[in-house]
Amino acid sequence: MAFCAFRFQLATACDSQCSSCRSPGRWSARRALELVLDWAELHQGELLKDWDSCQQHEQPADIAPLQ
């Protein structure tokens, strides 16, 4: 649930700040944000494990990149 709230806040902030960032033939900042958030949602478990590792000053594991 917290991730969904974070996602909504970030998307709202991006929409209000980046509405003029769009240019023809390129991804909008909003679309790029949506892709990153979708990736983060798919890898939420891995991200949380990596966060715990970092909190313990350990090396985080690799996570598959956005494709």
PDB file of N, CA and C in Angstrom:
ATOM      1  N   MET A   1       0.813  -1.189   0.000  1.00  0.00           N
ATOM      2  CA  MET A   1       0.000   0.000   0.000  1.00  0.00           C
ATOM      3  C   MET A   1       0.860   1.259   0.000  1.00  0.00           C
ATOM      4  N   ALA A   2       1.940   1.236   0.766  1.00  0.00           N
ATOM      5  CA  ALA A   2       2.817   2.415   0.825  1.00  0.00           C
ATOM      6  C   ALA A   2       3.416   2.706  -0.546  1.00  0.00           C
ATOM      7  N   PHE A   3       3.762   1.647  -1.290  1.00  0.00           N
ATOM      8  CA  PHE A   3       4.336   1.847  -2.624  1.00  0.00           C
ATOM      9  C   PHE A   3       3.329   2.513  -3.541  1.00  0.00           C
ATOM     10  N   CYS A   4       2.061   2.122  -3.442  1.00  0.00           N
ATOM     11  CA  CYS A   4       1.019   2.734  -4.272  1.00  0.00           C
ATOM     12  C   CYS A   4       0.862   4.213  -3.940  1.00  0.00           C
ATOM     13  N   ALA A   5       0.922   4.560  -2.661  1.00  0.00           N
ATOM     14  CA  ALA A   5       0.807   5.967  -2.261  1.00  0.00           C
ATOM     15  C   ALA A   5       1.994   6.757  -2.782  1.00  0.00           C
ATOM     16  N   PHE A   6       3.193   6.183  -2.672  1.00  0.00           N
ATOM     17  CA  PHE A   6       4.400   6.835  -3.185  1.00  0.00           C
ATOM     18  C   PHE A   6       4.278   7.043  -4.686  1.00  0.00           C
ATOM     19  N   ARG A   7       3.814   6.026  -5.378  1.00  0.00           N
ATOM     20  CA  ARG A   7       3.666   6.092  -6.831  1.00  0.00           C
ATOM     21  C   ARG A   7       2.702   7.212  -7.230  1.00  0.00           C
ATOM     22  N   PHE A   8       1.587   7.326  -6.520  1.00  0.00           N
ATOM     23  CA  PHE A   8       0.616   8.364  -6.816  1.00  0.00           C
ATOM     24  C   PHE A   8       1.215   9.757  -6.578  1.00  0.00           C
ATOM     25  N   GLN A   9       1.912   9.927  -5.466  1.00  0.00           N
ATOM     26  CA  GLN A   9       2.519  11.224  -5.154  1.00  0.00           C
ATOM     27  C   GLN A   9       3.559  11.606  -6.200  1.00  0.00           C
ATOM     28  N   LEU A  10       4.396  10.659  -6.587  1.00  0.00           N
ATOM     29  CA  LEU A  10       5.437  10.935  -7.572  1.00  0.00           C
ATOM     30  C   LEU A  10       4.836  11.259  -8.932  1.00  0.00           C
ATOM     31  N   ALA A  11       3.833  10.506  -9.331  1.00  0.00           N
ATOM     32  CA  ALA A  11       3.182  10.755 -10.618  1.00  0.00           C
ATOM     33  C   ALA A  11       2.488  12.118 -10.618  1.00  0.00           C
ATOM     34  N   THR A  12       1.859  12.477  -9.518  1.00  0.00           N
ATOM     35  CA  THR A  12       1.200  13.771  -9.413  1.00  0.00           C
ATOM     36  C   THR A  12       2.213  14.903  -9.496  1.00  0.00           C
ATOM     37  N   ALA A  13       3.328  14.759  -8.796  1.00  0.00           N
ATOM     38  CA  ALA A  13       4.376  15.781  -8.825  1.00  0.00           C
ATOM     39  C   ALA A  13       4.955  15.912 -10.230  1.00  0.00           C
ATOM     40  N   CYS A  14       5.192  14.789 -10.883  1.00  0.00           N
ATOM     41  CA  CYS A  14       5.746  14.819 -12.238  1.00  0.00           C
ATOM     42  C   CYS A  14       4.774  15.490 -13.184  1.00  0.00           C
ATOM     43  N   ASP A  15       3.501  15.177 -13.050  1.00  0.00           N
ATOM     44  CA  ASP A  15       2.508  15.754 -13.947  1.00  0.00           C
ATOM     45  C   ASP A  15       2.448  17.268 -13.795  1.00  0.00           C
ATOM     46  N   SER A  16       2.540  17.749 -12.578  1.00  0.00           N
ATOM     47  CA  SER A  16       2.457  19.192 -12.371  1.00  0.00           C
ATOM     48  C   SER A  16       3.751  19.904 -12.742  1.00  0.00           C
ATOM     49  N   GLN A  17       4.893  19.236 -12.605  1.00  0.00           N
ATOM     50  CA  GLN A  17       6.183  19.865 -12.872  1.00  0.00           C
ATOM     51  C   GLN A  17       6.653  19.681 -14.314  1.00  0.00           C
ATOM     52  N   CYS A  18       6.219  18.623 -14.971  1.00  0.00           N
ATOM     53  CA  CYS A  18       6.790  18.269 -16.275  1.00  0.00           C
ATOM     54  C   CYS A  18       5.805  18.395 -17.430  1.00  0.00           C
ATOM     55  N   SER A  19       4.710  19.091 -17.238  1.00  0.00           N
ATOM     56  CA  SER A  19       3.724  19.163 -18.314  1.00  0.00           C
ATOM     57  C   SER A  19       4.289  19.842 -19.555  1.00  0.00           C
ATOM     58  N   SER A  20       5.318  20.660 -19.412  1.00  0.00           N
ATOM     59  CA  SER A  20       5.922  21.325 -20.570  1.00  0.00           C
ATOM     60  C   SER A  20       7.157  20.599 -21.082  1.00  0.00           C
ATOM     61  N   CYS A  21       7.469  19.422 -20.528  1.00  0.00           N
ATOM     62  CA  CYS A  21       8.680  18.684 -20.914  1.00  0.00           C
ATOM     63  C   CYS A  21       8.481  17.829 -22.162  1.00  0.00           C
ATOM     64  N   ARG A  22       7.276  17.766 -22.675  1.00  0.00           N
ATOM     65  CA  ARG A  22       7.003  16.880 -23.810  1.00  0.00           C
ATOM     66  C   ARG A  22       7.481  17.506 -25.111  1.00  0.00           C
ATOM     67  N   SER A  23       8.060  16.675 -25.955  1.00  0.00           N
ATOM     68  CA  SER A  23       8.436  17.139 -27.290  1.00  0.00           C
ATOM     69  C   SER A  23       8.062  16.049 -28.294  1.00  0.00           C
ATOM     70  N   PRO A  24       7.625  16.401 -29.483  1.00  0.00           N
ATOM     71  CA  PRO A  24       7.181  15.421 -30.471  1.00  0.00           C
ATOM     72  C   PRO A  24       8.273  14.398 -30.794  1.00  0.00           C
ATOM     73  N   GLY A  25       7.874  13.134 -30.896  1.00  0.00           N
ATOM     74  CA  GLY A  25       8.816  12.097 -31.274  1.00  0.00           C
ATOM     75  C   GLY A  25       9.667  11.565 -30.137  1.00  0.00           C
ATOM     76  N   ARG A  26       9.453  12.049 -28.952  1.00  0.00           N
ATOM     77  CA  ARG A  26      10.216  11.583 -27.797  1.00  0.00           C
ATOM     78  C   ARG A  26       9.254  11.176 -26.701  1.00  0.00           C
ATOM     79  N   TRP A  27       9.781  10.344 -25.781  1.00  0.00           N
ATOM     80  CA  TRP A  27       8.963   9.977 -24.637  1.00  0.00           C
ATOM     81  C   TRP A  27       8.796  11.190 -23.758  1.00  0.00           C
ATOM     82  N   SER A  28       7.648  11.337 -23.195  1.00  0.00           N
ATOM     83  CA  SER A  28       7.433  12.408 -22.236  1.00  0.00           C
ATOM     84  C   SER A  28       8.064  11.998 -20.912  1.00  0.00           C
ATOM     85  N   ALA A  29       8.346  12.976 -20.094  1.00  0.00           N
ATOM     86  CA  ALA A  29       8.877  12.692 -18.758  1.00  0.00           C
ATOM     87  C   ALA A  29       7.861  11.851 -17.991  1.00  0.00           C
ATOM     88  N   ARG A  30       6.601  12.119 -18.203  1.00  0.00           N
ATOM     89  CA  ARG A  30       5.535  11.366 -17.535  1.00  0.00           C
ATOM     90  C   ARG A  30       5.573   9.889 -17.945  1.00  0.00           C
ATOM     91  N   ARG A  31       5.740   9.610 -19.218  1.00  0.00           N
ATOM     92  CA  ARG A  31       5.792   8.218 -19.708  1.00  0.00           C
ATOM     93  C   ARG A  31       7.023   7.513 -19.172  1.00  0.00           C
ATOM     94  N   ALA A  32       8.147   8.204 -19.148  1.00  0.00           N
ATOM     95  CA  ALA A  32       9.362   7.608 -18.597  1.00  0.00           C
ATOM     96  C   ALA A  32       9.163   7.261 -17.124  1.00  0.00           C
ATOM     97  N   LEU A  33       8.540   8.160 -16.381  1.00  0.00           N
ATOM     98  CA  LEU A  33       8.258   7.901 -14.971  1.00  0.00           C
ATOM     99  C   LEU A  33       7.350   6.692 -14.817  1.00  0.00           C
ATOM    100  N   GLU A  34       6.324   6.597 -15.656  1.00  0.00           N
ATOM    101  CA  GLU A  34       5.411   5.450 -15.586  1.00  0.00           C
ATOM    102  C   GLU A  34       6.149   4.141 -15.824  1.00  0.00           C
ATOM    103  N   LEU A  35       7.068   4.117 -16.784  1.00  0.00           N
ATOM    104  CA  LEU A  35       7.839   2.907 -17.061  1.00  0.00           C
ATOM    105  C   LEU A  35       8.712   2.521 -15.875  1.00  0.00           C
ATOM    106  N   VAL A  36       9.365   3.504 -15.273  1.00  0.00           N
ATOM    107  CA  VAL A  36      10.219   3.232 -14.120  1.00  0.00           C
ATOM    108  C   VAL A  36       9.382   2.729 -12.947  1.00  0.00           C
ATOM    109  N   LEU A  37       8.224   3.338 -12.715  1.00  0.00           N
ATOM    110  CA  LEU A  37       7.372   2.892 -11.620  1.00  0.00           C
ATOM    111  C   LEU A  37       6.808   1.500 -11.865  1.00  0.00           C
ATOM    112  N   ASP A  38       6.478   1.189 -13.112  1.00  0.00           N
ATOM    113  CA  ASP A  38       6.028  -0.170 -13.433  1.00  0.00           C
ATOM    114  C   ASP A  38       7.139  -1.175 -13.152  1.00  0.00           C
ATOM    115  N   TRP A  39       8.369  -0.838 -13.546  1.00  0.00           N
ATOM    116  CA  TRP A  39       9.522  -1.701 -13.286  1.00  0.00           C
ATOM    117  C   TRP A  39       9.699  -1.886 -11.779  1.00  0.00           C
ATOM    118  N   ALA A  40       9.606  -0.792 -11.024  1.00  0.00           N
ATOM    119  CA  ALA A  40       9.792  -0.861  -9.571  1.00  0.00           C
ATOM    120  C   ALA A  40       8.719  -1.721  -8.917  1.00  0.00           C
ATOM    121  N   GLU A  41       7.508  -1.648  -9.436  1.00  0.00           N
ATOM    122  CA  GLU A  41       6.430  -2.472  -8.890  1.00  0.00           C
ATOM    123  C   GLU A  41       6.695  -3.957  -9.143  1.00  0.00           C
ATOM    124  N   LEU A  42       7.189  -4.277 -10.339  1.00  0.00           N
ATOM    125  CA  LEU A  42       7.506  -5.673 -10.664  1.00  0.00           C
ATOM    126  C   LEU A  42       8.643  -6.218  -9.803  1.00  0.00           C
ATOM    127  N   HIS A  43       9.557  -5.350  -9.415  1.00  0.00           N
ATOM    128  CA  HIS A  43      10.740  -5.769  -8.665  1.00  0.00           C
ATOM    129  C   HIS A  43      10.715  -5.287  -7.217  1.00  0.00           C
ATOM    130  N   GLN A  44       9.523  -5.036  -6.705  1.00  0.00           N
ATOM    131  CA  GLN A  44       9.390  -4.468  -5.368  1.00  0.00           C
ATOM    132  C   GLN A  44      10.059  -5.334  -4.300  1.00  0.00           C
ATOM    133  N   GLY A  45       9.879  -6.649  -4.365  1.00  0.00           N
ATOM    134  CA  GLY A  45      10.502  -7.543  -3.393  1.00  0.00           C
ATOM    135  C   GLY A  45      12.016  -7.455  -3.429  1.00  0.00           C
ATOM    136  N   GLU A  46      12.573  -7.443  -4.628  1.00  0.00           N
ATOM    137  CA  GLU A  46      14.022  -7.337  -4.789  1.00  0.00           C
ATOM    138  C   GLU A  46      14.544  -5.985  -4.288  1.00  0.00           C
ATOM    139  N   LEU A  47      13.784  -4.936  -4.578  1.00  0.00           N
ATOM    140  CA  LEU A  47      14.183  -3.600  -4.140  1.00  0.00           C
ATOM    141  C   LEU A  47      14.183  -3.504  -2.613  1.00  0.00           C
ATOM    142  N   LEU A  48      13.182  -4.109  -1.985  1.00  0.00           N
ATOM    143  CA  LEU A  48      13.132  -4.096  -0.523  1.00  0.00           C
ATOM    144  C   LEU A  48      14.284  -4.880   0.092  1.00  0.00           C
ATOM    145  N   LYS A  49      14.633  -6.019  -0.513  1.00  0.00           N
ATOM    146  CA  LYS A  49      15.788  -6.792  -0.032  1.00  0.00           C
ATOM    147  C   LYS A  49      17.070  -5.993  -0.187  1.00  0.00           C
ATOM    148  N   ASP A  50      17.215  -5.319  -1.323  1.00  0.00           N
ATOM    149  CA  ASP A  50      18.402  -4.493  -1.546  1.00  0.00           C
ATOM    150  C   ASP A  50      18.455  -3.328  -0.563  1.00  0.00           C
ATOM    151  N   TRP A  51      17.301  -2.752  -0.260  1.00  0.00           N
ATOM    152  CA  TRP A  51      17.250  -1.668   0.712  1.00  0.00           C
ATOM    153  C   TRP A  51      17.737  -2.162   2.071  1.00  0.00           C
ATOM    154  N   ASP A  52      17.258  -3.344   2.471  1.00  0.00           N
ATOM    155  CA  ASP A  52      17.709  -3.922   3.743  1.00  0.00           C
ATOM    156  C   ASP A  52      19.214  -4.165   3.730  1.00  0.00           C
ATOM    157  N   SER A  53      19.730  -4.673   2.622  1.00  0.00           N
ATOM    158  CA  SER A  53      21.178  -4.906   2.498  1.00  0.00           C
ATOM    159  C   SER A  53      21.950  -3.605   2.653  1.00  0.00           C
ATOM    160  N   CYS A  54      21.488  -2.568   2.000  1.00  0.00           N
ATOM    161  CA  CYS A  54      22.171  -1.266   2.087  1.00  0.00           C
ATOM    162  C   CYS A  54      22.120  -0.709   3.507  1.00  0.00           C
ATOM    163  N   GLN A  55      21.008  -0.921   4.179  1.00  0.00           N
ATOM    164  CA  GLN A  55      20.883  -0.458   5.559  1.00  0.00           C
ATOM    165  C   GLN A  55      21.896  -1.140   6.471  1.00  0.00           C
ATOM    166  N   GLN A  56      22.299  -2.359   6.090  1.00  0.00           N
ATOM    167  CA  GLN A  56      23.282  -3.119   6.869  1.00  0.00           C
ATOM    168  C   GLN A  56      24.683  -2.965   6.289  1.00  0.00           C
ATOM    169  N   HIS A  57      24.852  -1.980   5.401  1.00  0.00           N
ATOM    170  CA  HIS A  57      26.143  -1.685   4.759  1.00  0.00           C
ATOM    171  C   HIS A  57      26.682  -2.878   3.975  1.00  0.00           C
ATOM    172  N   GLU A  58      25.757  -3.623   3.360  1.00  0.00           N
ATOM    173  CA  GLU A  58      26.110  -4.753   2.502  1.00  0.00           C
ATOM    174  C   GLU A  58      25.861  -4.376   1.050  1.00  0.00           C
ATOM    175  N   GLN A  59      26.493  -5.089   0.154  1.00  0.00           N
ATOM    176  CA  GLN A  59      26.331  -4.858  -1.281  1.00  0.00           C
ATOM    177  C   GLN A  59      24.946  -5.329  -1.722  1.00  0.00           C
ATOM    178  N   PRO A  60      24.170  -4.481  -2.411  1.00  0.00           N
ATOM    179  CA  PRO A  60      22.862  -4.924  -2.904  1.00  0.00           C
ATOM    180  C   PRO A  60      23.023  -5.903  -4.070  1.00  0.00           C
ATOM    181  N   ALA A  61      22.041  -6.757  -4.239  1.00  0.00           N
ATOM    182  CA  ALA A  61      22.042  -7.712  -5.350  1.00  0.00           C
ATOM    183  C   ALA A  61      21.667  -6.993  -6.637  1.00  0.00           C
ATOM    184  N   ASP A  62      22.049  -7.572  -7.761  1.00  0.00           N
ATOM    185  CA  ASP A  62      21.673  -7.028  -9.061  1.00  0.00           C
ATOM    186  C   ASP A  62      20.188  -7.276  -9.305  1.00  0.00           C
ATOM    187  N   ILE A  63      19.558  -6.337  -9.976  1.00  0.00           N
ATOM    188  CA  ILE A  63      18.152  -6.451 -10.368  1.00  0.00           C
ATOM    189  C   ILE A  63      18.102  -6.251 -11.887  1.00  0.00           C
ATOM    190  N   ALA A  64      17.290  -7.061 -12.546  1.00  0.00           N
ATOM    191  CA  ALA A  64      17.183  -6.969 -14.014  1.00  0.00           C
ATOM    192  C   ALA A  64      16.793  -5.549 -14.417  1.00  0.00           C
ATOM    193  N   PRO A  65      17.426  -5.010 -15.440  1.00  0.00           N
ATOM    194  CA  PRO A  65      17.124  -3.637 -15.865  1.00  0.00           C
ATOM    195  C   PRO A  65      15.790  -3.525 -16.579  1.00  0.00           C
ATOM    196  N   LEU A  66      15.324  -2.323 -16.729  1.00  0.00           N
ATOM    197  CA  LEU A  66      14.121  -2.027 -17.488  1.00  0.00           C
ATOM    198  C   LEU A  66      14.376  -2.359 -18.953  1.00  0.00           C
ATOM    199  N   GLN A  67      13.442  -3.072 -19.568  1.00  0.00           N
ATOM    200  CA  GLN A  67      13.635  -3.440 -20.976  1.00  0.00           C
ATOM    201  C   GLN A  67      12.437  -3.042 -21.784  1.00  0.00           C
TER     202      GLN A  67
END
